[in-house]
Amino acid sequence: MRYEMIREIYNKCSGNQMRDVFISNVETDDPFRYVENMLEGKEVTLESEELPDGTIVIDADVAGLKQRFSFCPD
C-alpha cells in the first residue's frame, strides 16, 4: 500500500518548540515494521495507533529523542 509518510523529529532543547519535518511517499504493507527497519540498531520504543481516517501514527522514543511517524493512505 502507498502512504504519504510524515516524520517529525522533536527538538530536545528547552524553550525550542520547533521540530524537523520530512515528508515522503513510501510503499509498505506494514508501517510498524517499516519504522522498525528504519531505526534498526538503535535503542527504540514504539507505540502505534490507527486514527478513524485510516492514518497510522507511530510514536518512537529513540534513545530519548522523540519522533512521530504518520502514515496517511495515498
N, C-alpha and C. Protein backbone atom coordinates (compact mmCIF):
# COMPACT_ATOMS: atom_id res chain seq x y z
N MET A 1 0.84 -1.18 0.00
CA MET A 1 0.00 0.00 0.00
C MET A 1 0.88 1.25 0.00
N ARG A 2 0.43 2.28 -0.68
CA ARG A 2 1.17 3.54 -0.73
C ARG A 2 0.70 4.48 0.36
N TYR A 3 1.67 5.13 1.01
CA TYR A 3 1.38 6.10 2.06
C TYR A 3 2.19 7.37 1.84
N GLU A 4 1.66 8.47 2.32
CA GLU A 4 2.47 9.67 2.50
C GLU A 4 2.94 9.59 3.94
N MET A 5 4.25 9.53 4.15
CA MET A 5 4.80 9.42 5.49
C MET A 5 5.33 10.78 5.93
N ILE A 6 4.87 11.21 7.08
CA ILE A 6 5.35 12.45 7.67
C ILE A 6 6.17 12.07 8.91
N ARG A 7 7.44 12.44 8.91
CA ARG A 7 8.33 12.12 10.03
C ARG A 7 8.67 13.42 10.75
N GLU A 8 8.30 13.49 12.02
CA GLU A 8 8.58 14.67 12.84
C GLU A 8 9.62 14.29 13.90
N ILE A 9 10.69 15.05 13.98
CA ILE A 9 11.72 14.83 14.99
C ILE A 9 11.69 16.03 15.92
N TYR A 10 11.34 15.78 17.17
CA TYR A 10 11.16 16.86 18.14
C TYR A 10 12.51 17.32 18.67
N ASN A 11 12.64 18.63 18.88
CA ASN A 11 13.86 19.24 19.38
C ASN A 11 13.94 19.07 20.89
N LYS A 12 15.07 18.60 21.40
CA LYS A 12 15.25 18.37 22.84
C LYS A 12 15.66 19.62 23.60
N CYS A 13 16.02 20.69 22.90
CA CYS A 13 16.49 21.90 23.58
C CYS A 13 15.33 22.60 24.29
N SER A 14 15.53 22.95 25.55
CA SER A 14 14.47 23.62 26.29
C SER A 14 14.18 24.99 25.68
N GLY A 15 12.90 25.33 25.64
CA GLY A 15 12.50 26.61 25.09
C GLY A 15 12.37 26.63 23.58
N ASN A 16 12.73 25.55 22.91
CA ASN A 16 12.64 25.48 21.45
C ASN A 16 11.56 24.47 21.08
N GLN A 17 10.45 24.95 20.57
CA GLN A 17 9.33 24.08 20.22
C GLN A 17 9.35 23.64 18.75
N MET A 18 10.37 24.01 18.01
CA MET A 18 10.46 23.65 16.60
C MET A 18 10.79 22.17 16.46
N ARG A 19 10.49 21.63 15.31
CA ARG A 19 10.82 20.24 15.02
C ARG A 19 11.19 20.12 13.55
N ASP A 20 11.97 19.10 13.25
CA ASP A 20 12.29 18.81 11.85
C ASP A 20 11.15 17.98 11.29
N VAL A 21 10.71 18.30 10.09
CA VAL A 21 9.61 17.57 9.45
C VAL A 21 10.07 17.13 8.06
N PHE A 22 9.89 15.84 7.78
CA PHE A 22 10.26 15.27 6.49
C PHE A 22 9.03 14.56 5.93
N ILE A 23 8.72 14.78 4.67
CA ILE A 23 7.57 14.15 4.02
C ILE A 23 8.07 13.34 2.84
N SER A 24 7.61 12.09 2.77
CA SER A 24 8.00 11.24 1.64
C SER A 24 6.87 10.26 1.33
N ASN A 25 6.89 9.72 0.13
CA ASN A 25 5.95 8.68 -0.26
C ASN A 25 6.63 7.34 -0.10
N VAL A 26 5.96 6.42 0.57
CA VAL A 26 6.53 5.09 0.79
C VAL A 26 5.50 4.03 0.41
N GLU A 27 5.99 2.86 0.09
CA GLU A 27 5.13 1.74 -0.19
C GLU A 27 5.49 0.62 0.78
N THR A 28 4.50 0.20 1.57
CA THR A 28 4.72 -0.86 2.56
C THR A 28 3.40 -1.51 2.93
N ASP A 29 3.46 -2.77 3.30
CA ASP A 29 2.27 -3.47 3.79
C ASP A 29 2.17 -3.36 5.30
N ASP A 30 3.26 -2.93 5.96
CA ASP A 30 3.30 -2.88 7.42
C ASP A 30 4.08 -1.65 7.89
N PRO A 31 3.39 -0.52 8.12
CA PRO A 31 4.09 0.69 8.55
C PRO A 31 4.90 0.50 9.84
N PHE A 32 4.40 -0.30 10.79
CA PHE A 32 5.12 -0.52 12.04
C PHE A 32 6.48 -1.16 11.76
N ARG A 33 6.49 -2.19 10.92
CA ARG A 33 7.74 -2.86 10.56
C ARG A 33 8.64 -1.93 9.75
N TYR A 34 8.05 -1.08 8.92
CA TYR A 34 8.82 -0.11 8.13
C TYR A 34 9.63 0.79 9.07
N VAL A 35 8.97 1.30 10.13
CA VAL A 35 9.66 2.16 11.09
C VAL A 35 10.71 1.36 11.86
N GLU A 36 10.37 0.13 12.27
CA GLU A 36 11.36 -0.72 12.95
C GLU A 36 12.61 -0.88 12.11
N ASN A 37 12.43 -1.13 10.82
CA ASN A 37 13.58 -1.30 9.93
C ASN A 37 14.38 0.00 9.77
N MET A 38 13.68 1.15 9.72
CA MET A 38 14.37 2.44 9.61
C MET A 38 15.28 2.70 10.81
N LEU A 39 14.81 2.27 11.98
CA LEU A 39 15.51 2.58 13.23
C LEU A 39 16.31 1.39 13.76
N GLU A 40 16.49 0.38 12.93
CA GLU A 40 17.21 -0.83 13.33
C GLU A 40 18.60 -0.49 13.86
N GLY A 41 18.98 -1.17 14.94
CA GLY A 41 20.30 -0.96 15.52
C GLY A 41 20.33 0.13 16.57
N LYS A 42 19.19 0.78 16.79
CA LYS A 42 19.12 1.84 17.79
C LYS A 42 18.25 1.39 18.95
N GLU A 43 18.47 1.97 20.12
CA GLU A 43 17.62 1.70 21.29
C GLU A 43 16.30 2.44 21.07
N VAL A 44 15.21 1.69 20.83
CA VAL A 44 13.96 2.32 20.43
C VAL A 44 12.75 1.68 21.11
N THR A 45 11.76 2.52 21.43
CA THR A 45 10.46 2.07 21.93
C THR A 45 9.41 2.65 21.00
N LEU A 46 8.49 1.79 20.53
CA LEU A 46 7.47 2.23 19.58
C LEU A 46 6.07 2.03 20.14
N GLU A 47 5.18 2.97 19.86
CA GLU A 47 3.76 2.85 20.17
C GLU A 47 3.00 3.30 18.93
N SER A 48 1.92 2.57 18.60
CA SER A 48 1.18 2.94 17.41
C SER A 48 -0.31 3.05 17.69
N GLU A 49 -0.98 3.79 16.81
CA GLU A 49 -2.42 3.98 16.91
C GLU A 49 -2.95 4.23 15.50
N GLU A 50 -4.15 3.70 15.23
CA GLU A 50 -4.79 3.95 13.95
C GLU A 50 -5.95 4.90 14.17
N LEU A 51 -5.96 5.99 13.41
CA LEU A 51 -6.99 7.01 13.52
C LEU A 51 -8.20 6.62 12.66
N PRO A 52 -9.38 7.18 12.95
CA PRO A 52 -10.59 6.83 12.19
C PRO A 52 -10.47 7.06 10.68
N ASP A 53 -9.63 8.00 10.25
CA ASP A 53 -9.49 8.26 8.81
C ASP A 53 -8.50 7.32 8.12
N GLY A 54 -7.97 6.32 8.87
CA GLY A 54 -7.03 5.36 8.29
C GLY A 54 -5.57 5.71 8.48
N THR A 55 -5.28 6.89 9.01
CA THR A 55 -3.91 7.29 9.26
C THR A 55 -3.33 6.45 10.41
N ILE A 56 -2.12 5.96 10.23
CA ILE A 56 -1.43 5.20 11.26
C ILE A 56 -0.34 6.10 11.83
N VAL A 57 -0.40 6.32 13.15
CA VAL A 57 0.56 7.18 13.83
C VAL A 57 1.45 6.30 14.71
N ILE A 58 2.75 6.41 14.53
CA ILE A 58 3.71 5.64 15.32
C ILE A 58 4.62 6.62 16.03
N ASP A 59 4.59 6.57 17.37
CA ASP A 59 5.47 7.40 18.18
C ASP A 59 6.68 6.57 18.56
N ALA A 60 7.85 7.15 18.38
CA ALA A 60 9.10 6.45 18.65
C ALA A 60 9.92 7.25 19.65
N ASP A 61 10.49 6.54 20.61
CA ASP A 61 11.48 7.12 21.52
C ASP A 61 12.79 6.46 21.12
N VAL A 62 13.66 7.24 20.51
CA VAL A 62 14.93 6.71 20.01
C VAL A 62 16.03 7.24 20.91
N ALA A 63 16.39 6.42 21.90
CA ALA A 63 17.43 6.80 22.86
C ALA A 63 17.15 8.19 23.47
N GLY A 64 15.88 8.44 23.81
CA GLY A 64 15.50 9.69 24.45
C GLY A 64 15.06 10.79 23.50
N LEU A 65 15.17 10.58 22.20
CA LEU A 65 14.75 11.57 21.21
C LEU A 65 13.39 11.15 20.65
N LYS A 66 12.37 12.01 20.83
CA LYS A 66 11.02 11.68 20.40
C LYS A 66 10.85 11.95 18.90
N GLN A 67 10.24 10.96 18.22
CA GLN A 67 9.92 11.09 16.80
C GLN A 67 8.50 10.59 16.59
N ARG A 68 7.82 11.17 15.61
CA ARG A 68 6.48 10.72 15.25
C ARG A 68 6.43 10.46 13.75
N PHE A 69 5.91 9.29 13.39
CA PHE A 69 5.73 8.89 12.01
C PHE A 69 4.24 8.78 11.74
N SER A 70 3.73 9.55 10.79
CA SER A 70 2.31 9.48 10.43
C SER A 70 2.23 8.93 9.01
N PHE A 71 1.50 7.82 8.85
CA PHE A 71 1.32 7.18 7.55
C PHE A 71 -0.11 7.44 7.09
N CYS A 72 -0.26 8.32 6.09
CA CYS A 72 -1.56 8.69 5.56
C CYS A 72 -1.77 7.93 4.26
N PRO A 73 -2.89 7.15 4.15
CA PRO A 73 -3.13 6.42 2.91
C PRO A 73 -3.14 7.36 1.71
N ASP A 74 -2.47 6.93 0.64
CA ASP A 74 -2.35 7.76 -0.55
C ASP A 74 -3.49 7.51 -1.50
